[in-house]
Amino acid sequence: AMKQSVVASDQAGIWSNAIKFVRMA
């Protein structure tokens, strides 16, 4: 469960940070 949660968190984190960068830009 934790392994899958980390994978999901990593995927969400990558794109969340990209979205944050675009918004600030």
PDBML (XML) file of the C-alpha atoms, coordinates in Angstrom:
<?xml version="1.0" encoding="UTF-8" ?>
<PDBx:datablock datablockName="MODEL"
   xmlns:PDBx="http://pdbml.pdb.org/schema/pdbx-v50.xsd"
   xmlns:xsi="http://www.w3.org/2001/XMLSchema-instance"
   xsi:schemaLocation="http://pdbml.pdb.org/schema/pdbx-v50.xsd pdbx-v50.xsd">
   <PDBx:atom_siteCategory>
      <PDBx:atom_site id="1">
         <PDBx:B_iso_or_equiv>0.00</PDBx:B_iso_or_equiv>
         <PDBx:Cartn_x>0.000</PDBx:Cartn_x>
         <PDBx:Cartn_y>0.000</PDBx:Cartn_y>
         <PDBx:Cartn_z>0.000</PDBx:Cartn_z>
         <PDBx:auth_asym_id>A</PDBx:auth_asym_id>
         <PDBx:auth_atom_id>CA</PDBx:auth_atom_id>
         <PDBx:auth_comp_id>ALA</PDBx:auth_comp_id>
         <PDBx:auth_seq_id>1</PDBx:auth_seq_id>
         <PDBx:group_PDB>ATOM</PDBx:group_PDB>
         <PDBx:label_alt_id xsi:nil="true" />
         <PDBx:label_asym_id>A</PDBx:label_asym_id>
         <PDBx:label_atom_id>CA</PDBx:label_atom_id>
         <PDBx:label_comp_id>ALA</PDBx:label_comp_id>
         <PDBx:label_entity_id>1</PDBx:label_entity_id>
         <PDBx:label_seq_id>1</PDBx:label_seq_id>
         <PDBx:occupancy>1.00</PDBx:occupancy>
         <PDBx:pdbx_PDB_model_num>1</PDBx:pdbx_PDB_model_num>
         <PDBx:type_symbol>C</PDBx:type_symbol>
      </PDBx:atom_site>
      <PDBx:atom_site id="2">
         <PDBx:B_iso_or_equiv>0.00</PDBx:B_iso_or_equiv>
         <PDBx:Cartn_x>2.792</PDBx:Cartn_x>
         <PDBx:Cartn_y>2.411</PDBx:Cartn_y>
         <PDBx:Cartn_z>0.899</PDBx:Cartn_z>
         <PDBx:auth_asym_id>A</PDBx:auth_asym_id>
         <PDBx:auth_atom_id>CA</PDBx:auth_atom_id>
         <PDBx:auth_comp_id>MET</PDBx:auth_comp_id>
         <PDBx:auth_seq_id>2</PDBx:auth_seq_id>
         <PDBx:group_PDB>ATOM</PDBx:group_PDB>
         <PDBx:label_alt_id xsi:nil="true" />
         <PDBx:label_asym_id>A</PDBx:label_asym_id>
         <PDBx:label_atom_id>CA</PDBx:label_atom_id>
         <PDBx:label_comp_id>MET</PDBx:label_comp_id>
         <PDBx:label_entity_id>1</PDBx:label_entity_id>
         <PDBx:label_seq_id>2</PDBx:label_seq_id>
         <PDBx:occupancy>1.00</PDBx:occupancy>
         <PDBx:pdbx_PDB_model_num>1</PDBx:pdbx_PDB_model_num>
         <PDBx:type_symbol>C</PDBx:type_symbol>
      </PDBx:atom_site>
      <PDBx:atom_site id="3">
         <PDBx:B_iso_or_equiv>0.00</PDBx:B_iso_or_equiv>
         <PDBx:Cartn_x>4.713</PDBx:Cartn_x>
         <PDBx:Cartn_y>1.571</PDBx:Cartn_y>
         <PDBx:Cartn_z>-2.278</PDBx:Cartn_z>
         <PDBx:auth_asym_id>A</PDBx:auth_asym_id>
         <PDBx:auth_atom_id>CA</PDBx:auth_atom_id>
         <PDBx:auth_comp_id>LYS</PDBx:auth_comp_id>
         <PDBx:auth_seq_id>3</PDBx:auth_seq_id>
         <PDBx:group_PDB>ATOM</PDBx:group_PDB>
         <PDBx:label_alt_id xsi:nil="true" />
         <PDBx:label_asym_id>A</PDBx:label_asym_id>
         <PDBx:label_atom_id>CA</PDBx:label_atom_id>
         <PDBx:label_comp_id>LYS</PDBx:label_comp_id>
         <PDBx:label_entity_id>1</PDBx:label_entity_id>
         <PDBx:label_seq_id>3</PDBx:label_seq_id>
         <PDBx:occupancy>1.00</PDBx:occupancy>
         <PDBx:pdbx_PDB_model_num>1</PDBx:pdbx_PDB_model_num>
         <PDBx:type_symbol>C</PDBx:type_symbol>
      </PDBx:atom_site>
      <PDBx:atom_site id="4">
         <PDBx:B_iso_or_equiv>0.00</PDBx:B_iso_or_equiv>
         <PDBx:Cartn_x>1.719</PDBx:Cartn_x>
         <PDBx:Cartn_y>2.343</PDBx:Cartn_y>
         <PDBx:Cartn_z>-4.464</PDBx:Cartn_z>
         <PDBx:auth_asym_id>A</PDBx:auth_asym_id>
         <PDBx:auth_atom_id>CA</PDBx:auth_atom_id>
         <PDBx:auth_comp_id>GLN</PDBx:auth_comp_id>
         <PDBx:auth_seq_id>4</PDBx:auth_seq_id>
         <PDBx:group_PDB>ATOM</PDBx:group_PDB>
         <PDBx:label_alt_id xsi:nil="true" />
         <PDBx:label_asym_id>A</PDBx:label_asym_id>
         <PDBx:label_atom_id>CA</PDBx:label_atom_id>
         <PDBx:label_comp_id>GLN</PDBx:label_comp_id>
         <PDBx:label_entity_id>1</PDBx:label_entity_id>
         <PDBx:label_seq_id>4</PDBx:label_seq_id>
         <PDBx:occupancy>1.00</PDBx:occupancy>
         <PDBx:pdbx_PDB_model_num>1</PDBx:pdbx_PDB_model_num>
         <PDBx:type_symbol>C</PDBx:type_symbol>
      </PDBx:atom_site>
      <PDBx:atom_site id="5">
         <PDBx:B_iso_or_equiv>0.00</PDBx:B_iso_or_equiv>
         <PDBx:Cartn_x>1.017</PDBx:Cartn_x>
         <PDBx:Cartn_y>5.447</PDBx:Cartn_y>
         <PDBx:Cartn_z>-2.407</PDBx:Cartn_z>
         <PDBx:auth_asym_id>A</PDBx:auth_asym_id>
         <PDBx:auth_atom_id>CA</PDBx:auth_atom_id>
         <PDBx:auth_comp_id>SER</PDBx:auth_comp_id>
         <PDBx:auth_seq_id>5</PDBx:auth_seq_id>
         <PDBx:group_PDB>ATOM</PDBx:group_PDB>
         <PDBx:label_alt_id xsi:nil="true" />
         <PDBx:label_asym_id>A</PDBx:label_asym_id>
         <PDBx:label_atom_id>CA</PDBx:label_atom_id>
         <PDBx:label_comp_id>SER</PDBx:label_comp_id>
         <PDBx:label_entity_id>1</PDBx:label_entity_id>
         <PDBx:label_seq_id>5</PDBx:label_seq_id>
         <PDBx:occupancy>1.00</PDBx:occupancy>
         <PDBx:pdbx_PDB_model_num>1</PDBx:pdbx_PDB_model_num>
         <PDBx:type_symbol>C</PDBx:type_symbol>
      </PDBx:atom_site>
      <PDBx:atom_site id="6">
         <PDBx:B_iso_or_equiv>0.00</PDBx:B_iso_or_equiv>
         <PDBx:Cartn_x>4.574</PDBx:Cartn_x>
         <PDBx:Cartn_y>6.707</PDBx:Cartn_y>
         <PDBx:Cartn_z>-2.966</PDBx:Cartn_z>
         <PDBx:auth_asym_id>A</PDBx:auth_asym_id>
         <PDBx:auth_atom_id>CA</PDBx:auth_atom_id>
         <PDBx:auth_comp_id>VAL</PDBx:auth_comp_id>
         <PDBx:auth_seq_id>6</PDBx:auth_seq_id>
         <PDBx:group_PDB>ATOM</PDBx:group_PDB>
         <PDBx:label_alt_id xsi:nil="true" />
         <PDBx:label_asym_id>A</PDBx:label_asym_id>
         <PDBx:label_atom_id>CA</PDBx:label_atom_id>
         <PDBx:label_comp_id>VAL</PDBx:label_comp_id>
         <PDBx:label_entity_id>1</PDBx:label_entity_id>
         <PDBx:label_seq_id>6</PDBx:label_seq_id>
         <PDBx:occupancy>1.00</PDBx:occupancy>
         <PDBx:pdbx_PDB_model_num>1</PDBx:pdbx_PDB_model_num>
         <PDBx:type_symbol>C</PDBx:type_symbol>
      </PDBx:atom_site>
      <PDBx:atom_site id="7">
         <PDBx:B_iso_or_equiv>0.00</PDBx:B_iso_or_equiv>
         <PDBx:Cartn_x>4.234</PDBx:Cartn_x>
         <PDBx:Cartn_y>6.108</PDBx:Cartn_y>
         <PDBx:Cartn_z>-6.718</PDBx:Cartn_z>
         <PDBx:auth_asym_id>A</PDBx:auth_asym_id>
         <PDBx:auth_atom_id>CA</PDBx:auth_atom_id>
         <PDBx:auth_comp_id>VAL</PDBx:auth_comp_id>
         <PDBx:auth_seq_id>7</PDBx:auth_seq_id>
         <PDBx:group_PDB>ATOM</PDBx:group_PDB>
         <PDBx:label_alt_id xsi:nil="true" />
         <PDBx:label_asym_id>A</PDBx:label_asym_id>
         <PDBx:label_atom_id>CA</PDBx:label_atom_id>
         <PDBx:label_comp_id>VAL</PDBx:label_comp_id>
         <PDBx:label_entity_id>1</PDBx:label_entity_id>
         <PDBx:label_seq_id>7</PDBx:label_seq_id>
         <PDBx:occupancy>1.00</PDBx:occupancy>
         <PDBx:pdbx_PDB_model_num>1</PDBx:pdbx_PDB_model_num>
         <PDBx:type_symbol>C</PDBx:type_symbol>
      </PDBx:atom_site>
      <PDBx:atom_site id="8">
         <PDBx:B_iso_or_equiv>0.00</PDBx:B_iso_or_equiv>
         <PDBx:Cartn_x>0.931</PDBx:Cartn_x>
         <PDBx:Cartn_y>7.987</PDBx:Cartn_y>
         <PDBx:Cartn_z>-6.803</PDBx:Cartn_z>
         <PDBx:auth_asym_id>A</PDBx:auth_asym_id>
         <PDBx:auth_atom_id>CA</PDBx:auth_atom_id>
         <PDBx:auth_comp_id>ALA</PDBx:auth_comp_id>
         <PDBx:auth_seq_id>8</PDBx:auth_seq_id>
         <PDBx:group_PDB>ATOM</PDBx:group_PDB>
         <PDBx:label_alt_id xsi:nil="true" />
         <PDBx:label_asym_id>A</PDBx:label_asym_id>
         <PDBx:label_atom_id>CA</PDBx:label_atom_id>
         <PDBx:label_comp_id>ALA</PDBx:label_comp_id>
         <PDBx:label_entity_id>1</PDBx:label_entity_id>
         <PDBx:label_seq_id>8</PDBx:label_seq_id>
         <PDBx:occupancy>1.00</PDBx:occupancy>
         <PDBx:pdbx_PDB_model_num>1</PDBx:pdbx_PDB_model_num>
         <PDBx:type_symbol>C</PDBx:type_symbol>
      </PDBx:atom_site>
      <PDBx:atom_site id="9">
         <PDBx:B_iso_or_equiv>0.00</PDBx:B_iso_or_equiv>
         <PDBx:Cartn_x>2.370</PDBx:Cartn_x>
         <PDBx:Cartn_y>10.777</PDBx:Cartn_y>
         <PDBx:Cartn_z>-4.658</PDBx:Cartn_z>
         <PDBx:auth_asym_id>A</PDBx:auth_asym_id>
         <PDBx:auth_atom_id>CA</PDBx:auth_atom_id>
         <PDBx:auth_comp_id>SER</PDBx:auth_comp_id>
         <PDBx:auth_seq_id>9</PDBx:auth_seq_id>
         <PDBx:group_PDB>ATOM</PDBx:group_PDB>
         <PDBx:label_alt_id xsi:nil="true" />
         <PDBx:label_asym_id>A</PDBx:label_asym_id>
         <PDBx:label_atom_id>CA</PDBx:label_atom_id>
         <PDBx:label_comp_id>SER</PDBx:label_comp_id>
         <PDBx:label_entity_id>1</PDBx:label_entity_id>
         <PDBx:label_seq_id>9</PDBx:label_seq_id>
         <PDBx:occupancy>1.00</PDBx:occupancy>
         <PDBx:pdbx_PDB_model_num>1</PDBx:pdbx_PDB_model_num>
         <PDBx:type_symbol>C</PDBx:type_symbol>
      </PDBx:atom_site>
      <PDBx:atom_site id="10">
         <PDBx:B_iso_or_equiv>0.00</PDBx:B_iso_or_equiv>
         <PDBx:Cartn_x>5.434</PDBx:Cartn_x>
         <PDBx:Cartn_y>11.094</PDBx:Cartn_y>
         <PDBx:Cartn_z>-6.898</PDBx:Cartn_z>
         <PDBx:auth_asym_id>A</PDBx:auth_asym_id>
         <PDBx:auth_atom_id>CA</PDBx:auth_atom_id>
         <PDBx:auth_comp_id>ASP</PDBx:auth_comp_id>
         <PDBx:auth_seq_id>10</PDBx:auth_seq_id>
         <PDBx:group_PDB>ATOM</PDBx:group_PDB>
         <PDBx:label_alt_id xsi:nil="true" />
         <PDBx:label_asym_id>A</PDBx:label_asym_id>
         <PDBx:label_atom_id>CA</PDBx:label_atom_id>
         <PDBx:label_comp_id>ASP</PDBx:label_comp_id>
         <PDBx:label_entity_id>1</PDBx:label_entity_id>
         <PDBx:label_seq_id>10</PDBx:label_seq_id>
         <PDBx:occupancy>1.00</PDBx:occupancy>
         <PDBx:pdbx_PDB_model_num>1</PDBx:pdbx_PDB_model_num>
         <PDBx:type_symbol>C</PDBx:type_symbol>
      </PDBx:atom_site>
      <PDBx:atom_site id="11">
         <PDBx:B_iso_or_equiv>0.00</PDBx:B_iso_or_equiv>
         <PDBx:Cartn_x>3.309</PDBx:Cartn_x>
         <PDBx:Cartn_y>11.290</PDBx:Cartn_y>
         <PDBx:Cartn_z>-10.038</PDBx:Cartn_z>
         <PDBx:auth_asym_id>A</PDBx:auth_asym_id>
         <PDBx:auth_atom_id>CA</PDBx:auth_atom_id>
         <PDBx:auth_comp_id>GLN</PDBx:auth_comp_id>
         <PDBx:auth_seq_id>11</PDBx:auth_seq_id>
         <PDBx:group_PDB>ATOM</PDBx:group_PDB>
         <PDBx:label_alt_id xsi:nil="true" />
         <PDBx:label_asym_id>A</PDBx:label_asym_id>
         <PDBx:label_atom_id>CA</PDBx:label_atom_id>
         <PDBx:label_comp_id>GLN</PDBx:label_comp_id>
         <PDBx:label_entity_id>1</PDBx:label_entity_id>
         <PDBx:label_seq_id>11</PDBx:label_seq_id>
         <PDBx:occupancy>1.00</PDBx:occupancy>
         <PDBx:pdbx_PDB_model_num>1</PDBx:pdbx_PDB_model_num>
         <PDBx:type_symbol>C</PDBx:type_symbol>
      </PDBx:atom_site>
      <PDBx:atom_site id="12">
         <PDBx:B_iso_or_equiv>0.00</PDBx:B_iso_or_equiv>
         <PDBx:Cartn_x>0.976</PDBx:Cartn_x>
         <PDBx:Cartn_y>13.837</PDBx:Cartn_y>
         <PDBx:Cartn_z>-8.488</PDBx:Cartn_z>
         <PDBx:auth_asym_id>A</PDBx:auth_asym_id>
         <PDBx:auth_atom_id>CA</PDBx:auth_atom_id>
         <PDBx:auth_comp_id>ALA</PDBx:auth_comp_id>
         <PDBx:auth_seq_id>12</PDBx:auth_seq_id>
         <PDBx:group_PDB>ATOM</PDBx:group_PDB>
         <PDBx:label_alt_id xsi:nil="true" />
         <PDBx:label_asym_id>A</PDBx:label_asym_id>
         <PDBx:label_atom_id>CA</PDBx:label_atom_id>
         <PDBx:label_comp_id>ALA</PDBx:label_comp_id>
         <PDBx:label_entity_id>1</PDBx:label_entity_id>
         <PDBx:label_seq_id>12</PDBx:label_seq_id>
         <PDBx:occupancy>1.00</PDBx:occupancy>
         <PDBx:pdbx_PDB_model_num>1</PDBx:pdbx_PDB_model_num>
         <PDBx:type_symbol>C</PDBx:type_symbol>
      </PDBx:atom_site>
      <PDBx:atom_site id="13">
         <PDBx:B_iso_or_equiv>0.00</PDBx:B_iso_or_equiv>
         <PDBx:Cartn_x>3.882</PDBx:Cartn_x>
         <PDBx:Cartn_y>15.805</PDBx:Cartn_y>
         <PDBx:Cartn_z>-7.040</PDBx:Cartn_z>
         <PDBx:auth_asym_id>A</PDBx:auth_asym_id>
         <PDBx:auth_atom_id>CA</PDBx:auth_atom_id>
         <PDBx:auth_comp_id>GLY</PDBx:auth_comp_id>
         <PDBx:auth_seq_id>13</PDBx:auth_seq_id>
         <PDBx:group_PDB>ATOM</PDBx:group_PDB>
         <PDBx:label_alt_id xsi:nil="true" />
         <PDBx:label_asym_id>A</PDBx:label_asym_id>
         <PDBx:label_atom_id>CA</PDBx:label_atom_id>
         <PDBx:label_comp_id>GLY</PDBx:label_comp_id>
         <PDBx:label_entity_id>1</PDBx:label_entity_id>
         <PDBx:label_seq_id>13</PDBx:label_seq_id>
         <PDBx:occupancy>1.00</PDBx:occupancy>
         <PDBx:pdbx_PDB_model_num>1</PDBx:pdbx_PDB_model_num>
         <PDBx:type_symbol>C</PDBx:type_symbol>
      </PDBx:atom_site>
      <PDBx:atom_site id="14">
         <PDBx:B_iso_or_equiv>0.00</PDBx:B_iso_or_equiv>
         <PDBx:Cartn_x>5.698</PDBx:Cartn_x>
         <PDBx:Cartn_y>16.108</PDBx:Cartn_y>
         <PDBx:Cartn_z>-10.365</PDBx:Cartn_z>
         <PDBx:auth_asym_id>A</PDBx:auth_asym_id>
         <PDBx:auth_atom_id>CA</PDBx:auth_atom_id>
         <PDBx:auth_comp_id>ILE</PDBx:auth_comp_id>
         <PDBx:auth_seq_id>14</PDBx:auth_seq_id>
         <PDBx:group_PDB>ATOM</PDBx:group_PDB>
         <PDBx:label_alt_id xsi:nil="true" />
         <PDBx:label_asym_id>A</PDBx:label_asym_id>
         <PDBx:label_atom_id>CA</PDBx:label_atom_id>
         <PDBx:label_comp_id>ILE</PDBx:label_comp_id>
         <PDBx:label_entity_id>1</PDBx:label_entity_id>
         <PDBx:label_seq_id>14</PDBx:label_seq_id>
         <PDBx:occupancy>1.00</PDBx:occupancy>
         <PDBx:pdbx_PDB_model_num>1</PDBx:pdbx_PDB_model_num>
         <PDBx:type_symbol>C</PDBx:type_symbol>
      </PDBx:atom_site>
      <PDBx:atom_site id="15">
         <PDBx:B_iso_or_equiv>0.00</PDBx:B_iso_or_equiv>
         <PDBx:Cartn_x>2.718</PDBx:Cartn_x>
         <PDBx:Cartn_y>17.573</PDBx:Cartn_y>
         <PDBx:Cartn_z>-12.124</PDBx:Cartn_z>
         <PDBx:auth_asym_id>A</PDBx:auth_asym_id>
         <PDBx:auth_atom_id>CA</PDBx:auth_atom_id>
         <PDBx:auth_comp_id>TRP</PDBx:auth_comp_id>
         <PDBx:auth_seq_id>15</PDBx:auth_seq_id>
         <PDBx:group_PDB>ATOM</PDBx:group_PDB>
         <PDBx:label_alt_id xsi:nil="true" />
         <PDBx:label_asym_id>A</PDBx:label_asym_id>
         <PDBx:label_atom_id>CA</PDBx:label_atom_id>
         <PDBx:label_comp_id>TRP</PDBx:label_comp_id>
         <PDBx:label_entity_id>1</PDBx:label_entity_id>
         <PDBx:label_seq_id>15</PDBx:label_seq_id>
         <PDBx:occupancy>1.00</PDBx:occupancy>
         <PDBx:pdbx_PDB_model_num>1</PDBx:pdbx_PDB_model_num>
         <PDBx:type_symbol>C</PDBx:type_symbol>
      </PDBx:atom_site>
      <PDBx:atom_site id="16">
         <PDBx:B_iso_or_equiv>0.00</PDBx:B_iso_or_equiv>
         <PDBx:Cartn_x>1.546</PDBx:Cartn_x>
         <PDBx:Cartn_y>19.609</PDBx:Cartn_y>
         <PDBx:Cartn_z>-9.139</PDBx:Cartn_z>
         <PDBx:auth_asym_id>A</PDBx:auth_asym_id>
         <PDBx:auth_atom_id>CA</PDBx:auth_atom_id>
         <PDBx:auth_comp_id>SER</PDBx:auth_comp_id>
         <PDBx:auth_seq_id>16</PDBx:auth_seq_id>
         <PDBx:group_PDB>ATOM</PDBx:group_PDB>
         <PDBx:label_alt_id xsi:nil="true" />
         <PDBx:label_asym_id>A</PDBx:label_asym_id>
         <PDBx:label_atom_id>CA</PDBx:label_atom_id>
         <PDBx:label_comp_id>SER</PDBx:label_comp_id>
         <PDBx:label_entity_id>1</PDBx:label_entity_id>
         <PDBx:label_seq_id>16</PDBx:label_seq_id>
         <PDBx:occupancy>1.00</PDBx:occupancy>
         <PDBx:pdbx_PDB_model_num>1</PDBx:pdbx_PDB_model_num>
         <PDBx:type_symbol>C</PDBx:type_symbol>
      </PDBx:atom_site>
      <PDBx:atom_site id="17">
         <PDBx:B_iso_or_equiv>0.00</PDBx:B_iso_or_equiv>
         <PDBx:Cartn_x>4.920</PDBx:Cartn_x>
         <PDBx:Cartn_y>21.350</PDBx:Cartn_y>
         <PDBx:Cartn_z>-9.043</PDBx:Cartn_z>
         <PDBx:auth_asym_id>A</PDBx:auth_asym_id>
         <PDBx:auth_atom_id>CA</PDBx:auth_atom_id>
         <PDBx:auth_comp_id>ASN</PDBx:auth_comp_id>
         <PDBx:auth_seq_id>17</PDBx:auth_seq_id>
         <PDBx:group_PDB>ATOM</PDBx:group_PDB>
         <PDBx:label_alt_id xsi:nil="true" />
         <PDBx:label_asym_id>A</PDBx:label_asym_id>
         <PDBx:label_atom_id>CA</PDBx:label_atom_id>
         <PDBx:label_comp_id>ASN</PDBx:label_comp_id>
         <PDBx:label_entity_id>1</PDBx:label_entity_id>
         <PDBx:label_seq_id>17</PDBx:label_seq_id>
         <PDBx:occupancy>1.00</PDBx:occupancy>
         <PDBx:pdbx_PDB_model_num>1</PDBx:pdbx_PDB_model_num>
         <PDBx:type_symbol>C</PDBx:type_symbol>
      </PDBx:atom_site>
      <PDBx:atom_site id="18">
         <PDBx:B_iso_or_equiv>0.00</PDBx:B_iso_or_equiv>
         <PDBx:Cartn_x>4.772</PDBx:Cartn_x>
         <PDBx:Cartn_y>21.889</PDBx:Cartn_y>
         <PDBx:Cartn_z>-12.805</PDBx:Cartn_z>
         <PDBx:auth_asym_id>A</PDBx:auth_asym_id>
         <PDBx:auth_atom_id>CA</PDBx:auth_atom_id>
         <PDBx:auth_comp_id>ALA</PDBx:auth_comp_id>
         <PDBx:auth_seq_id>18</PDBx:auth_seq_id>
         <PDBx:group_PDB>ATOM</PDBx:group_PDB>
         <PDBx:label_alt_id xsi:nil="true" />
         <PDBx:label_asym_id>A</PDBx:label_asym_id>
         <PDBx:label_atom_id>CA</PDBx:label_atom_id>
         <PDBx:label_comp_id>ALA</PDBx:label_comp_id>
         <PDBx:label_entity_id>1</PDBx:label_entity_id>
         <PDBx:label_seq_id>18</PDBx:label_seq_id>
         <PDBx:occupancy>1.00</PDBx:occupancy>
         <PDBx:pdbx_PDB_model_num>1</PDBx:pdbx_PDB_model_num>
         <PDBx:type_symbol>C</PDBx:type_symbol>
      </PDBx:atom_site>
      <PDBx:atom_site id="19">
         <PDBx:B_iso_or_equiv>0.00</PDBx:B_iso_or_equiv>
         <PDBx:Cartn_x>1.308</PDBx:Cartn_x>
         <PDBx:Cartn_y>23.429</PDBx:Cartn_y>
         <PDBx:Cartn_z>-12.396</PDBx:Cartn_z>
         <PDBx:auth_asym_id>A</PDBx:auth_asym_id>
         <PDBx:auth_atom_id>CA</PDBx:auth_atom_id>
         <PDBx:auth_comp_id>ILE</PDBx:auth_comp_id>
         <PDBx:auth_seq_id>19</PDBx:auth_seq_id>
         <PDBx:group_PDB>ATOM</PDBx:group_PDB>
         <PDBx:label_alt_id xsi:nil="true" />
         <PDBx:label_asym_id>A</PDBx:label_asym_id>
         <PDBx:label_atom_id>CA</PDBx:label_atom_id>
         <PDBx:label_comp_id>ILE</PDBx:label_comp_id>
         <PDBx:label_entity_id>1</PDBx:label_entity_id>
         <PDBx:label_seq_id>19</PDBx:label_seq_id>
         <PDBx:occupancy>1.00</PDBx:occupancy>
         <PDBx:pdbx_PDB_model_num>1</PDBx:pdbx_PDB_model_num>
         <PDBx:type_symbol>C</PDBx:type_symbol>
      </PDBx:atom_site>
      <PDBx:atom_site id="20">
         <PDBx:B_iso_or_equiv>0.00</PDBx:B_iso_or_equiv>
         <PDBx:Cartn_x>2.587</PDBx:Cartn_x>
         <PDBx:Cartn_y>25.617</PDBx:Cartn_y>
         <PDBx:Cartn_z>-9.550</PDBx:Cartn_z>
         <PDBx:auth_asym_id>A</PDBx:auth_asym_id>
         <PDBx:auth_atom_id>CA</PDBx:auth_atom_id>
         <PDBx:auth_comp_id>LYS</PDBx:auth_comp_id>
         <PDBx:auth_seq_id>20</PDBx:auth_seq_id>
         <PDBx:group_PDB>ATOM</PDBx:group_PDB>
         <PDBx:label_alt_id xsi:nil="true" />
         <PDBx:label_asym_id>A</PDBx:label_asym_id>
         <PDBx:label_atom_id>CA</PDBx:label_atom_id>
         <PDBx:label_comp_id>LYS</PDBx:label_comp_id>
         <PDBx:label_entity_id>1</PDBx:label_entity_id>
         <PDBx:label_seq_id>20</PDBx:label_seq_id>
         <PDBx:occupancy>1.00</PDBx:occupancy>
         <PDBx:pdbx_PDB_model_num>1</PDBx:pdbx_PDB_model_num>
         <PDBx:type_symbol>C</PDBx:type_symbol>
      </PDBx:atom_site>
      <PDBx:atom_site id="21">
         <PDBx:B_iso_or_equiv>0.00</PDBx:B_iso_or_equiv>
         <PDBx:Cartn_x>5.514</PDBx:Cartn_x>
         <PDBx:Cartn_y>26.821</PDBx:Cartn_y>
         <PDBx:Cartn_z>-11.717</PDBx:Cartn_z>
         <PDBx:auth_asym_id>A</PDBx:auth_asym_id>
         <PDBx:auth_atom_id>CA</PDBx:auth_atom_id>
         <PDBx:auth_comp_id>PHE</PDBx:auth_comp_id>
         <PDBx:auth_seq_id>21</PDBx:auth_seq_id>
         <PDBx:group_PDB>ATOM</PDBx:group_PDB>
         <PDBx:label_alt_id xsi:nil="true" />
         <PDBx:label_asym_id>A</PDBx:label_asym_id>
         <PDBx:label_atom_id>CA</PDBx:label_atom_id>
         <PDBx:label_comp_id>PHE</PDBx:label_comp_id>
         <PDBx:label_entity_id>1</PDBx:label_entity_id>
         <PDBx:label_seq_id>21</PDBx:label_seq_id>
         <PDBx:occupancy>1.00</PDBx:occupancy>
         <PDBx:pdbx_PDB_model_num>1</PDBx:pdbx_PDB_model_num>
         <PDBx:type_symbol>C</PDBx:type_symbol>
      </PDBx:atom_site>
      <PDBx:atom_site id="22">
         <PDBx:B_iso_or_equiv>0.00</PDBx:B_iso_or_equiv>
         <PDBx:Cartn_x>3.204</PDBx:Cartn_x>
         <PDBx:Cartn_y>27.681</PDBx:Cartn_y>
         <PDBx:Cartn_z>-14.626</PDBx:Cartn_z>
         <PDBx:auth_asym_id>A</PDBx:auth_asym_id>
         <PDBx:auth_atom_id>CA</PDBx:auth_atom_id>
         <PDBx:auth_comp_id>VAL</PDBx:auth_comp_id>
         <PDBx:auth_seq_id>22</PDBx:auth_seq_id>
         <PDBx:group_PDB>ATOM</PDBx:group_PDB>
         <PDBx:label_alt_id xsi:nil="true" />
         <PDBx:label_asym_id>A</PDBx:label_asym_id>
         <PDBx:label_atom_id>CA</PDBx:label_atom_id>
         <PDBx:label_comp_id>VAL</PDBx:label_comp_id>
         <PDBx:label_entity_id>1</PDBx:label_entity_id>
         <PDBx:label_seq_id>22</PDBx:label_seq_id>
         <PDBx:occupancy>1.00</PDBx:occupancy>
         <PDBx:pdbx_PDB_model_num>1</PDBx:pdbx_PDB_model_num>
         <PDBx:type_symbol>C</PDBx:type_symbol>
      </PDBx:atom_site>
      <PDBx:atom_site id="23">
         <PDBx:B_iso_or_equiv>0.00</PDBx:B_iso_or_equiv>
         <PDBx:Cartn_x>0.819</PDBx:Cartn_x>
         <PDBx:Cartn_y>29.544</PDBx:Cartn_y>
         <PDBx:Cartn_z>-12.336</PDBx:Cartn_z>
         <PDBx:auth_asym_id>A</PDBx:auth_asym_id>
         <PDBx:auth_atom_id>CA</PDBx:auth_atom_id>
         <PDBx:auth_comp_id>ARG</PDBx:auth_comp_id>
         <PDBx:auth_seq_id>23</PDBx:auth_seq_id>
         <PDBx:group_PDB>ATOM</PDBx:group_PDB>
         <PDBx:label_alt_id xsi:nil="true" />
         <PDBx:label_asym_id>A</PDBx:label_asym_id>
         <PDBx:label_atom_id>CA</PDBx:label_atom_id>
         <PDBx:label_comp_id>ARG</PDBx:label_comp_id>
         <PDBx:label_entity_id>1</PDBx:label_entity_id>
         <PDBx:label_seq_id>23</PDBx:label_seq_id>
         <PDBx:occupancy>1.00</PDBx:occupancy>
         <PDBx:pdbx_PDB_model_num>1</PDBx:pdbx_PDB_model_num>
         <PDBx:type_symbol>C</PDBx:type_symbol>
      </PDBx:atom_site>
      <PDBx:atom_site id="24">
         <PDBx:B_iso_or_equiv>0.00</PDBx:B_iso_or_equiv>
         <PDBx:Cartn_x>3.624</PDBx:Cartn_x>
         <PDBx:Cartn_y>31.607</PDBx:Cartn_y>
         <PDBx:Cartn_z>-10.795</PDBx:Cartn_z>
         <PDBx:auth_asym_id>A</PDBx:auth_asym_id>
         <PDBx:auth_atom_id>CA</PDBx:auth_atom_id>
         <PDBx:auth_comp_id>MET</PDBx:auth_comp_id>
         <PDBx:auth_seq_id>24</PDBx:auth_seq_id>
         <PDBx:group_PDB>ATOM</PDBx:group_PDB>
         <PDBx:label_alt_id xsi:nil="true" />
         <PDBx:label_asym_id>A</PDBx:label_asym_id>
         <PDBx:label_atom_id>CA</PDBx:label_atom_id>
         <PDBx:label_comp_id>MET</PDBx:label_comp_id>
         <PDBx:label_entity_id>1</PDBx:label_entity_id>
         <PDBx:label_seq_id>24</PDBx:label_seq_id>
         <PDBx:occupancy>1.00</PDBx:occupancy>
         <PDBx:pdbx_PDB_model_num>1</PDBx:pdbx_PDB_model_num>
         <PDBx:type_symbol>C</PDBx:type_symbol>
      </PDBx:atom_site>
      <PDBx:atom_site id="25">
         <PDBx:B_iso_or_equiv>0.00</PDBx:B_iso_or_equiv>
         <PDBx:Cartn_x>5.100</PDBx:Cartn_x>
         <PDBx:Cartn_y>32.247</PDBx:Cartn_y>
         <PDBx:Cartn_z>-14.247</PDBx:Cartn_z>
         <PDBx:auth_asym_id>A</PDBx:auth_asym_id>
         <PDBx:auth_atom_id>CA</PDBx:auth_atom_id>
         <PDBx:auth_comp_id>ALA</PDBx:auth_comp_id>
         <PDBx:auth_seq_id>25</PDBx:auth_seq_id>
         <PDBx:group_PDB>ATOM</PDBx:group_PDB>
         <PDBx:label_alt_id xsi:nil="true" />
         <PDBx:label_asym_id>A</PDBx:label_asym_id>
         <PDBx:label_atom_id>CA</PDBx:label_atom_id>
         <PDBx:label_comp_id>ALA</PDBx:label_comp_id>
         <PDBx:label_entity_id>1</PDBx:label_entity_id>
         <PDBx:label_seq_id>25</PDBx:label_seq_id>
         <PDBx:occupancy>1.00</PDBx:occupancy>
         <PDBx:pdbx_PDB_model_num>1</PDBx:pdbx_PDB_model_num>
         <PDBx:type_symbol>C</PDBx:type_symbol>
      </PDBx:atom_site>
   </PDBx:atom_siteCategory>
</PDBx:datablock>
